[in-house]
Amino acid sequence: MPLFAFISGYFFKPQKLDKLSHYLLTKIKTLYLPFFLWNLTYGVLVNILRSFDLIQYGEPITFHTLFVEPFLGCFMFQINSPSWYIPAIFTVIVIYAVCRKLLGPLWNDWVLTPVTSLFGIACVYYSRQGYNSAPLYLVILKMGFLLAFYQFGYFYKEHLEKLIKK
């Protein structure tokens, strides 16, 4: 998953933040909406299989299982639990875009790349200490871990790739 975050950061274009609301709506349409439809499909499938007593896992389709749980742990329907990455990277993209927009000219890749890297390392440390068992902490830990790779992907494209080509 870190490689996917790195690649997403590599293809990030800050000029798209001129129209932040349009950028975020585009990400909702291209990333979150397909995930939601796929999650709903899994939810329907799991609930049909549960109604025939073919499986004993998964949760009923509710607002929580469709819109909240994907950001917390993504274990609502079990068979699509590997899709945890989509809401996590969506959160990273949104937070990253909003932070870049708010900081504007104060944004400095040479400072923020080590800062996000340290934050990512801290997230791994706290995960290993057991903080990943609480849903809210898990959201923060996943986001912080992926944010470091997202920033590094952008940093690589903008700064390191040029040095390597020389």
N, C-alpha and C. Protein backbone atom coordinates (compact mmCIF):
# COMPACT_ATOMS: atom_id res chain seq x y z
N MET A 1 0.80 -1.20 0.00
CA MET A 1 0.00 0.00 0.00
C MET A 1 0.85 1.27 0.00
N PRO A 2 2.01 1.27 0.65
CA PRO A 2 2.83 2.48 0.58
C PRO A 2 3.22 2.85 -0.86
N LEU A 3 3.44 1.85 -1.69
CA LEU A 3 3.79 2.15 -3.08
C LEU A 3 2.64 2.84 -3.79
N PHE A 4 1.41 2.42 -3.53
CA PHE A 4 0.26 3.08 -4.15
C PHE A 4 0.14 4.53 -3.68
N ALA A 5 0.41 4.76 -2.40
CA ALA A 5 0.38 6.13 -1.88
C ALA A 5 1.49 6.95 -2.53
N PHE A 6 2.68 6.37 -2.67
CA PHE A 6 3.80 7.04 -3.33
C PHE A 6 3.43 7.43 -4.76
N ILE A 7 2.84 6.50 -5.50
CA ILE A 7 2.45 6.76 -6.89
C ILE A 7 1.38 7.84 -6.95
N SER A 8 0.43 7.79 -6.03
CA SER A 8 -0.60 8.83 -5.99
C SER A 8 0.02 10.20 -5.75
N GLY A 9 0.98 10.28 -4.85
CA GLY A 9 1.67 11.53 -4.59
C GLY A 9 2.50 11.97 -5.79
N TYR A 10 3.08 11.01 -6.47
CA TYR A 10 3.90 11.31 -7.65
C TYR A 10 3.06 12.02 -8.72
N PHE A 11 1.82 11.61 -8.86
CA PHE A 11 0.95 12.19 -9.88
C PHE A 11 0.11 13.38 -9.38
N PHE A 12 0.33 13.80 -8.15
CA PHE A 12 -0.38 14.97 -7.62
C PHE A 12 0.07 16.22 -8.36
N LYS A 13 -0.89 17.06 -8.71
CA LYS A 13 -0.60 18.31 -9.40
C LYS A 13 -1.15 19.48 -8.57
N PRO A 14 -0.25 20.25 -7.93
CA PRO A 14 -0.72 21.33 -7.06
C PRO A 14 -1.53 22.40 -7.78
N GLN A 15 -1.32 22.58 -9.07
CA GLN A 15 -2.09 23.60 -9.81
C GLN A 15 -3.58 23.27 -9.83
N LYS A 16 -3.95 22.02 -9.62
CA LYS A 16 -5.37 21.66 -9.57
C LYS A 16 -6.05 22.19 -8.31
N LEU A 17 -5.25 22.61 -7.33
CA LEU A 17 -5.82 23.13 -6.09
C LEU A 17 -6.33 24.56 -6.24
N ASP A 18 -6.08 25.17 -7.40
CA ASP A 18 -6.64 26.51 -7.63
C ASP A 18 -8.15 26.48 -7.49
N LYS A 19 -8.73 25.36 -7.91
CA LYS A 19 -10.18 25.13 -7.75
C LYS A 19 -10.35 23.93 -6.82
N LEU A 20 -10.13 24.17 -5.54
CA LEU A 20 -10.12 23.09 -4.55
C LEU A 20 -11.42 22.32 -4.53
N SER A 21 -12.55 23.01 -4.56
CA SER A 21 -13.84 22.30 -4.50
C SER A 21 -14.01 21.40 -5.72
N HIS A 22 -13.60 21.86 -6.88
CA HIS A 22 -13.68 21.03 -8.09
C HIS A 22 -12.76 19.82 -7.97
N TYR A 23 -11.57 20.04 -7.45
CA TYR A 23 -10.61 18.95 -7.26
C TYR A 23 -11.18 17.89 -6.32
N LEU A 24 -11.74 18.34 -5.20
CA LEU A 24 -12.29 17.39 -4.23
C LEU A 24 -13.51 16.66 -4.78
N LEU A 25 -14.36 17.36 -5.52
CA LEU A 25 -15.51 16.70 -6.16
C LEU A 25 -15.05 15.65 -7.17
N THR A 26 -14.00 15.97 -7.90
CA THR A 26 -13.44 14.99 -8.85
C THR A 26 -12.95 13.75 -8.12
N LYS A 27 -12.28 13.94 -7.00
CA LYS A 27 -11.79 12.80 -6.22
C LYS A 27 -12.95 11.98 -5.65
N ILE A 28 -14.02 12.65 -5.26
CA ILE A 28 -15.20 11.92 -4.77
C ILE A 28 -15.78 11.08 -5.90
N LYS A 29 -15.90 11.67 -7.09
CA LYS A 29 -16.48 10.95 -8.23
C LYS A 29 -15.60 9.80 -8.73
N THR A 30 -14.29 10.01 -8.73
CA THR A 30 -13.41 9.00 -9.33
C THR A 30 -12.86 8.00 -8.34
N LEU A 31 -12.88 8.32 -7.05
CA LEU A 31 -12.29 7.42 -6.06
C LEU A 31 -13.32 6.91 -5.06
N TYR A 32 -14.04 7.82 -4.42
CA TYR A 32 -14.95 7.39 -3.36
C TYR A 32 -16.24 6.79 -3.90
N LEU A 33 -16.83 7.39 -4.92
CA LEU A 33 -18.09 6.86 -5.46
C LEU A 33 -17.94 5.43 -5.98
N PRO A 34 -16.91 5.11 -6.78
CA PRO A 34 -16.75 3.71 -7.18
C PRO A 34 -16.54 2.77 -5.99
N PHE A 35 -15.79 3.24 -4.98
CA PHE A 35 -15.62 2.43 -3.78
C PHE A 35 -16.97 2.19 -3.10
N PHE A 36 -17.76 3.24 -2.96
CA PHE A 36 -19.06 3.12 -2.32
C PHE A 36 -19.93 2.11 -3.07
N LEU A 37 -19.96 2.19 -4.39
CA LEU A 37 -20.78 1.25 -5.19
C LEU A 37 -20.28 -0.18 -5.03
N TRP A 38 -18.97 -0.34 -5.02
CA TRP A 38 -18.38 -1.67 -4.84
C TRP A 38 -18.70 -2.19 -3.44
N ASN A 39 -18.59 -1.34 -2.45
CA ASN A 39 -18.90 -1.72 -1.07
C ASN A 39 -20.37 -2.10 -0.93
N LEU A 40 -21.25 -1.34 -1.56
CA LEU A 40 -22.68 -1.65 -1.54
C LEU A 40 -22.94 -3.00 -2.20
N THR A 41 -22.25 -3.25 -3.31
CA THR A 41 -22.40 -4.55 -4.00
C THR A 41 -21.99 -5.69 -3.07
N TYR A 42 -20.86 -5.54 -2.41
CA TYR A 42 -20.42 -6.56 -1.45
C TYR A 42 -21.43 -6.70 -0.32
N GLY A 43 -21.94 -5.58 0.17
CA GLY A 43 -22.93 -5.63 1.25
C GLY A 43 -24.17 -6.41 0.85
N VAL A 44 -24.66 -6.17 -0.34
CA VAL A 44 -25.84 -6.89 -0.83
C VAL A 44 -25.52 -8.38 -0.97
N LEU A 45 -24.35 -8.69 -1.56
CA LEU A 45 -23.95 -10.09 -1.74
C LEU A 45 -23.85 -10.81 -0.38
N VAL A 46 -23.17 -10.20 0.56
CA VAL A 46 -23.00 -10.81 1.89
C VAL A 46 -24.35 -11.01 2.56
N ASN A 47 -25.24 -10.04 2.46
CA ASN A 47 -26.54 -10.16 3.11
C ASN A 47 -27.43 -11.20 2.43
N ILE A 48 -27.31 -11.35 1.12
CA ILE A 48 -28.04 -12.42 0.43
C ILE A 48 -27.52 -13.78 0.89
N LEU A 49 -26.20 -13.93 0.92
CA LEU A 49 -25.61 -15.20 1.36
C LEU A 49 -25.95 -15.49 2.82
N ARG A 50 -26.00 -14.46 3.66
CA ARG A 50 -26.38 -14.64 5.07
C ARG A 50 -27.84 -15.05 5.20
N SER A 51 -28.70 -14.50 4.34
CA SER A 51 -30.13 -14.83 4.44
C SER A 51 -30.39 -16.29 4.10
N PHE A 52 -29.53 -16.88 3.28
CA PHE A 52 -29.66 -18.31 2.93
C PHE A 52 -28.80 -19.18 3.85
N ASP A 53 -28.24 -18.59 4.88
CA ASP A 53 -27.37 -19.28 5.85
C ASP A 53 -26.16 -19.96 5.20
N LEU A 54 -25.66 -19.35 4.13
CA LEU A 54 -24.48 -19.88 3.47
C LEU A 54 -23.19 -19.36 4.10
N ILE A 55 -23.28 -18.22 4.74
CA ILE A 55 -22.14 -17.67 5.48
C ILE A 55 -22.65 -17.14 6.81
N GLN A 56 -21.75 -16.99 7.77
CA GLN A 56 -22.13 -16.48 9.08
C GLN A 56 -21.36 -15.22 9.45
N TYR A 57 -20.82 -14.53 8.49
CA TYR A 57 -20.06 -13.31 8.79
C TYR A 57 -20.65 -12.14 8.02
N GLY A 58 -20.14 -10.97 8.32
CA GLY A 58 -20.62 -9.76 7.67
C GLY A 58 -21.72 -9.09 8.49
N GLU A 59 -21.92 -7.83 8.23
CA GLU A 59 -22.90 -7.03 8.96
C GLU A 59 -24.07 -6.67 8.04
N PRO A 60 -25.21 -6.34 8.62
CA PRO A 60 -26.32 -5.85 7.80
C PRO A 60 -25.96 -4.50 7.17
N ILE A 61 -26.61 -4.16 6.09
CA ILE A 61 -26.38 -2.89 5.42
C ILE A 61 -27.06 -1.79 6.23
N THR A 62 -26.25 -0.87 6.71
CA THR A 62 -26.75 0.29 7.46
C THR A 62 -25.95 1.51 7.03
N PHE A 63 -26.35 2.66 7.51
CA PHE A 63 -25.59 3.88 7.25
C PHE A 63 -24.16 3.71 7.76
N HIS A 64 -24.04 3.12 8.95
CA HIS A 64 -22.72 2.92 9.56
C HIS A 64 -21.83 2.01 8.70
N THR A 65 -22.38 0.88 8.24
CA THR A 65 -21.55 -0.06 7.48
C THR A 65 -21.21 0.47 6.08
N LEU A 66 -22.00 1.37 5.56
CA LEU A 66 -21.72 1.91 4.23
C LEU A 66 -20.85 3.17 4.25
N PHE A 67 -21.02 4.02 5.26
CA PHE A 67 -20.35 5.32 5.21
C PHE A 67 -19.35 5.57 6.34
N VAL A 68 -19.47 4.89 7.47
CA VAL A 68 -18.58 5.16 8.59
C VAL A 68 -17.52 4.08 8.72
N GLU A 69 -17.93 2.84 8.78
CA GLU A 69 -17.00 1.72 8.97
C GLU A 69 -15.89 1.65 7.92
N PRO A 70 -16.14 1.99 6.64
CA PRO A 70 -15.03 1.95 5.68
C PRO A 70 -13.85 2.84 6.10
N PHE A 71 -14.10 3.92 6.81
CA PHE A 71 -13.02 4.79 7.25
C PHE A 71 -12.40 4.30 8.55
N LEU A 72 -13.15 3.51 9.32
CA LEU A 72 -12.65 3.04 10.61
C LEU A 72 -11.83 1.77 10.49
N GLY A 73 -12.33 0.79 9.78
CA GLY A 73 -11.60 -0.47 9.72
C GLY A 73 -11.85 -1.26 8.46
N CYS A 74 -13.02 -1.06 7.87
CA CYS A 74 -13.40 -1.72 6.62
C CYS A 74 -13.61 -3.23 6.79
N PHE A 75 -14.14 -3.63 7.94
CA PHE A 75 -14.38 -5.05 8.18
C PHE A 75 -15.87 -5.39 8.19
N MET A 76 -16.71 -4.50 7.66
CA MET A 76 -18.15 -4.67 7.78
C MET A 76 -18.68 -5.88 7.01
N PHE A 77 -18.13 -6.16 5.84
CA PHE A 77 -18.65 -7.28 5.06
C PHE A 77 -17.61 -8.39 4.88
N GLN A 78 -16.49 -8.26 5.52
CA GLN A 78 -15.40 -9.23 5.59
C GLN A 78 -14.74 -9.50 4.24
N ILE A 79 -15.49 -9.93 3.23
CA ILE A 79 -14.84 -10.34 1.99
C ILE A 79 -14.24 -9.18 1.21
N ASN A 80 -14.58 -7.96 1.56
CA ASN A 80 -13.96 -6.81 0.91
C ASN A 80 -13.08 -6.01 1.87
N SER A 81 -12.64 -6.63 2.95
CA SER A 81 -11.82 -5.90 3.92
C SER A 81 -10.51 -5.37 3.34
N PRO A 82 -9.92 -6.00 2.31
CA PRO A 82 -8.71 -5.39 1.73
C PRO A 82 -8.96 -4.02 1.09
N SER A 83 -10.20 -3.65 0.93
CA SER A 83 -10.49 -2.35 0.33
C SER A 83 -10.30 -1.20 1.32
N TRP A 84 -9.79 -1.48 2.51
CA TRP A 84 -9.53 -0.44 3.51
C TRP A 84 -8.69 0.69 2.93
N TYR A 85 -7.90 0.34 1.93
CA TYR A 85 -6.96 1.31 1.37
C TYR A 85 -7.67 2.48 0.68
N ILE A 86 -8.79 2.23 0.05
CA ILE A 86 -9.46 3.29 -0.73
C ILE A 86 -9.93 4.44 0.18
N PRO A 87 -10.69 4.20 1.23
CA PRO A 87 -11.05 5.33 2.10
C PRO A 87 -9.82 5.97 2.76
N ALA A 88 -8.80 5.15 3.05
CA ALA A 88 -7.60 5.70 3.68
C ALA A 88 -6.87 6.65 2.73
N ILE A 89 -6.67 6.25 1.48
CA ILE A 89 -5.97 7.13 0.53
C ILE A 89 -6.85 8.32 0.16
N PHE A 90 -8.16 8.11 0.13
CA PHE A 90 -9.07 9.23 -0.12
C PHE A 90 -8.92 10.28 0.98
N THR A 91 -8.84 9.84 2.24
CA THR A 91 -8.64 10.75 3.36
C THR A 91 -7.31 11.48 3.24
N VAL A 92 -6.27 10.75 2.88
CA VAL A 92 -4.95 11.36 2.70
C VAL A 92 -4.99 12.42 1.62
N ILE A 93 -5.61 12.11 0.48
CA ILE A 93 -5.69 13.06 -0.63
C ILE A 93 -6.43 14.33 -0.20
N VAL A 94 -7.53 14.17 0.49
CA VAL A 94 -8.32 15.32 0.93
C VAL A 94 -7.52 16.16 1.93
N ILE A 95 -6.96 15.53 2.94
CA ILE A 95 -6.19 16.27 3.95
C ILE A 95 -4.98 16.95 3.33
N TYR A 96 -4.28 16.25 2.47
CA TYR A 96 -3.10 16.81 1.80
C TYR A 96 -3.48 18.02 0.97
N ALA A 97 -4.54 17.91 0.19
CA ALA A 97 -4.97 19.02 -0.67
C ALA A 97 -5.39 20.22 0.16
N VAL A 98 -6.16 19.99 1.22
CA VAL A 98 -6.61 21.10 2.06
C VAL A 98 -5.42 21.75 2.77
N CYS A 99 -4.50 20.97 3.28
CA CYS A 99 -3.32 21.53 3.95
C CYS A 99 -2.47 22.35 2.99
N ARG A 100 -2.25 21.82 1.79
CA ARG A 100 -1.47 22.57 0.79
C ARG A 100 -2.16 23.87 0.42
N LYS A 101 -3.46 23.83 0.29
CA LYS A 101 -4.21 25.03 -0.06
C LYS A 101 -4.15 26.05 1.07
N LEU A 102 -4.33 25.59 2.31
CA LEU A 102 -4.31 26.50 3.45
C LEU A 102 -2.92 27.12 3.68
N LEU A 103 -1.89 26.31 3.52
CA LEU A 103 -0.54 26.81 3.75
C LEU A 103 -0.04 27.66 2.57
N GLY A 104 -0.54 27.37 1.39
CA GLY A 104 -0.18 28.14 0.20
C GLY A 104 1.31 28.33 0.04
N PRO A 105 1.77 29.57 0.02
CA PRO A 105 3.20 29.83 -0.20
C PRO A 105 4.09 29.39 0.97
N LEU A 106 3.51 29.10 2.11
CA LEU A 106 4.31 28.62 3.25
C LEU A 106 4.71 27.15 3.11
N TRP A 107 4.06 26.45 2.19
CA TRP A 107 4.35 25.03 2.00
C TRP A 107 5.79 24.87 1.53
N ASN A 108 6.55 24.04 2.21
CA ASN A 108 7.95 23.81 1.85
C ASN A 108 8.20 22.30 1.87
N ASP A 109 8.41 21.73 0.68
CA ASP A 109 8.61 20.29 0.57
C ASP A 109 9.84 19.81 1.33
N TRP A 110 10.88 20.64 1.38
CA TRP A 110 12.12 20.25 2.05
C TRP A 110 11.93 20.16 3.57
N VAL A 111 10.98 20.85 4.10
CA VAL A 111 10.68 20.78 5.53
C VAL A 111 9.60 19.72 5.79
N LEU A 112 8.55 19.74 4.97
CA LEU A 112 7.40 18.87 5.24
C LEU A 112 7.64 17.40 4.90
N THR A 113 8.58 17.11 4.01
CA THR A 113 8.87 15.70 3.73
C THR A 113 9.45 15.01 4.96
N PRO A 114 10.47 15.58 5.61
CA PRO A 114 10.94 14.93 6.86
C PRO A 114 9.88 14.93 7.97
N VAL A 115 9.07 15.98 8.04
CA VAL A 115 8.03 16.04 9.07
C VAL A 115 7.00 14.93 8.85
N THR A 116 6.53 14.77 7.61
CA THR A 116 5.55 13.70 7.35
C THR A 116 6.20 12.33 7.51
N SER A 117 7.48 12.21 7.19
CA SER A 117 8.18 10.93 7.40
C SER A 117 8.24 10.58 8.88
N LEU A 118 8.57 11.56 9.71
CA LEU A 118 8.60 11.33 11.16
C LEU A 118 7.21 10.99 11.69
N PHE A 119 6.20 11.66 11.15
CA PHE A 119 4.82 11.36 11.54
C PHE A 119 4.46 9.92 11.14
N GLY A 120 4.87 9.50 9.95
CA GLY A 120 4.62 8.12 9.51
C GLY A 120 5.32 7.11 10.40
N ILE A 121 6.57 7.41 10.77
CA ILE A 121 7.31 6.52 11.67
C ILE A 121 6.62 6.45 13.03
N ALA A 122 6.16 7.59 13.52
CA ALA A 122 5.44 7.62 14.80
C ALA A 122 4.15 6.79 14.70
N CYS A 123 3.48 6.84 13.57
CA CYS A 123 2.26 6.06 13.38
C CYS A 123 2.54 4.57 13.44
N VAL A 124 3.65 4.14 12.84
CA VAL A 124 4.03 2.72 12.91
C VAL A 124 4.35 2.35 14.36
N TYR A 125 5.08 3.20 15.04
CA TYR A 125 5.43 2.94 16.44
C TYR A 125 4.16 2.78 17.29
N TYR A 126 3.23 3.72 17.17
CA TYR A 126 2.02 3.67 17.99
C TYR A 126 1.12 2.49 17.58
N SER A 127 1.17 2.10 16.33
CA SER A 127 0.43 0.90 15.91
C SER A 127 1.00 -0.33 16.61
N ARG A 128 2.31 -0.39 16.66
CA ARG A 128 2.96 -1.54 17.30
C ARG A 128 2.74 -1.54 18.82
N GLN A 129 2.41 -0.38 19.37
CA GLN A 129 2.14 -0.28 20.81
C GLN A 129 0.68 -0.62 21.12
N GLY A 130 -0.13 -0.89 20.10
CA GLY A 130 -1.51 -1.31 20.32
C GLY A 130 -2.56 -0.24 20.14
N TYR A 131 -2.15 0.95 19.73
CA TYR A 131 -3.13 2.02 19.55
C TYR A 131 -4.02 1.80 18.33
N ASN A 132 -3.68 0.86 17.49
CA ASN A 132 -4.49 0.59 16.30
C ASN A 132 -5.75 -0.20 16.60
N SER A 133 -5.98 -0.55 17.84
CA SER A 133 -7.19 -1.30 18.17
C SER A 133 -8.40 -0.39 18.39
N ALA A 134 -8.17 0.89 18.62
CA ALA A 134 -9.27 1.84 18.76
C ALA A 134 -9.58 2.43 17.38
N PRO A 135 -10.84 2.40 16.96
CA PRO A 135 -11.17 2.83 15.59
C PRO A 135 -10.68 4.22 15.21
N LEU A 136 -10.84 5.21 16.08
CA LEU A 136 -10.41 6.56 15.74
C LEU A 136 -8.90 6.63 15.59
N TYR A 137 -8.18 5.98 16.50
CA TYR A 137 -6.72 5.96 16.39
C TYR A 137 -6.28 5.26 15.11
N LEU A 138 -6.99 4.20 14.75
CA LEU A 138 -6.64 3.47 13.54
C LEU A 138 -6.74 4.37 12.31
N VAL A 139 -7.76 5.19 12.24
CA VAL A 139 -7.92 6.13 11.12
C VAL A 139 -6.72 7.06 11.06
N ILE A 140 -6.33 7.63 12.18
CA ILE A 140 -5.21 8.56 12.23
C ILE A 140 -3.91 7.86 11.88
N LEU A 141 -3.72 6.66 12.39
CA LEU A 141 -2.48 5.93 12.13
C LEU A 141 -2.34 5.53 10.66
N LYS A 142 -3.43 5.06 10.06
CA LYS A 142 -3.37 4.71 8.63
C LYS A 142 -3.11 5.95 7.79
N MET A 143 -3.81 7.04 8.11
CA MET A 143 -3.65 8.27 7.36
C MET A 143 -2.22 8.80 7.49
N GLY A 144 -1.69 8.82 8.69
CA GLY A 144 -0.33 9.32 8.90
C GLY A 144 0.72 8.48 8.21
N PHE A 145 0.53 7.17 8.25
CA PHE A 145 1.46 6.26 7.58
C PHE A 145 1.46 6.50 6.07
N LEU A 146 0.28 6.58 5.48
CA LEU A 146 0.18 6.77 4.02
C LEU A 146 0.55 8.19 3.60
N LEU A 147 0.29 9.17 4.46
CA LEU A 147 0.61 10.56 4.14
C LEU A 147 2.11 10.74 3.89
N ALA A 148 2.93 10.06 4.65
CA ALA A 148 4.38 10.14 4.47
C ALA A 148 4.78 9.67 3.07
N PHE A 149 4.20 8.58 2.61
CA PHE A 149 4.54 8.06 1.28
C PHE A 149 3.96 8.93 0.17
N TYR A 150 2.79 9.50 0.42
CA TYR A 150 2.17 10.40 -0.56
C TYR A 150 3.06 11.63 -0.76
N GLN A 151 3.49 12.25 0.35
CA GLN A 151 4.37 13.41 0.27
C GLN A 151 5.70 13.04 -0.38
N PHE A 152 6.23 11.88 -0.02
CA PHE A 152 7.51 11.49 -0.60
C PHE A 152 7.40 11.25 -2.10
N GLY A 153 6.25 10.74 -2.56
CA GLY A 153 6.04 10.56 -4.00
C GLY A 153 6.08 11.89 -4.73
N TYR A 154 5.42 12.89 -4.15
CA TYR A 154 5.44 14.23 -4.76
C TYR A 154 6.85 14.82 -4.69
N PHE A 155 7.50 14.68 -3.55
CA PHE A 155 8.86 15.21 -3.36
C PHE A 155 9.83 14.57 -4.36
N TYR A 156 9.70 13.28 -4.55
CA TYR A 156 10.55 12.58 -5.50
C TYR A 156 10.39 13.15 -6.91
N LYS A 157 9.14 13.32 -7.33
CA LYS A 157 8.89 13.84 -8.68
C LYS A 157 9.43 15.25 -8.84
N GLU A 158 9.17 16.09 -7.87
CA GLU A 158 9.53 17.51 -7.99
C GLU A 158 11.00 17.81 -7.74
N HIS A 159 11.68 17.02 -6.91
CA HIS A 159 13.03 17.39 -6.50
C HIS A 159 14.07 16.30 -6.77
N LEU A 160 13.82 15.08 -6.37
CA LEU A 160 14.84 14.03 -6.48
C LEU A 160 15.01 13.51 -7.90
N GLU A 161 13.92 13.41 -8.63
CA GLU A 161 14.01 12.86 -9.98
C GLU A 161 14.94 13.70 -10.86
N LYS A 162 14.88 15.00 -10.69
CA LYS A 162 15.75 15.91 -11.46
C LYS A 162 17.20 15.68 -11.10
N LEU A 163 17.48 15.47 -9.82
CA LEU A 163 18.86 15.22 -9.39
C LEU A 163 19.36 13.88 -9.91
N ILE A 164 18.50 12.89 -9.92
CA ILE A 164 18.90 11.57 -10.40
C ILE A 164 19.19 11.59 -11.89
N LYS A 165 18.40 12.36 -12.65
CA LYS A 165 18.61 12.44 -14.09
C LYS A 165 19.93 13.10 -14.44
N LYS A 166 20.39 14.02 -13.58
CA LYS A 166 21.67 14.69 -13.81
C LYS A 166 22.78 13.69 -13.65
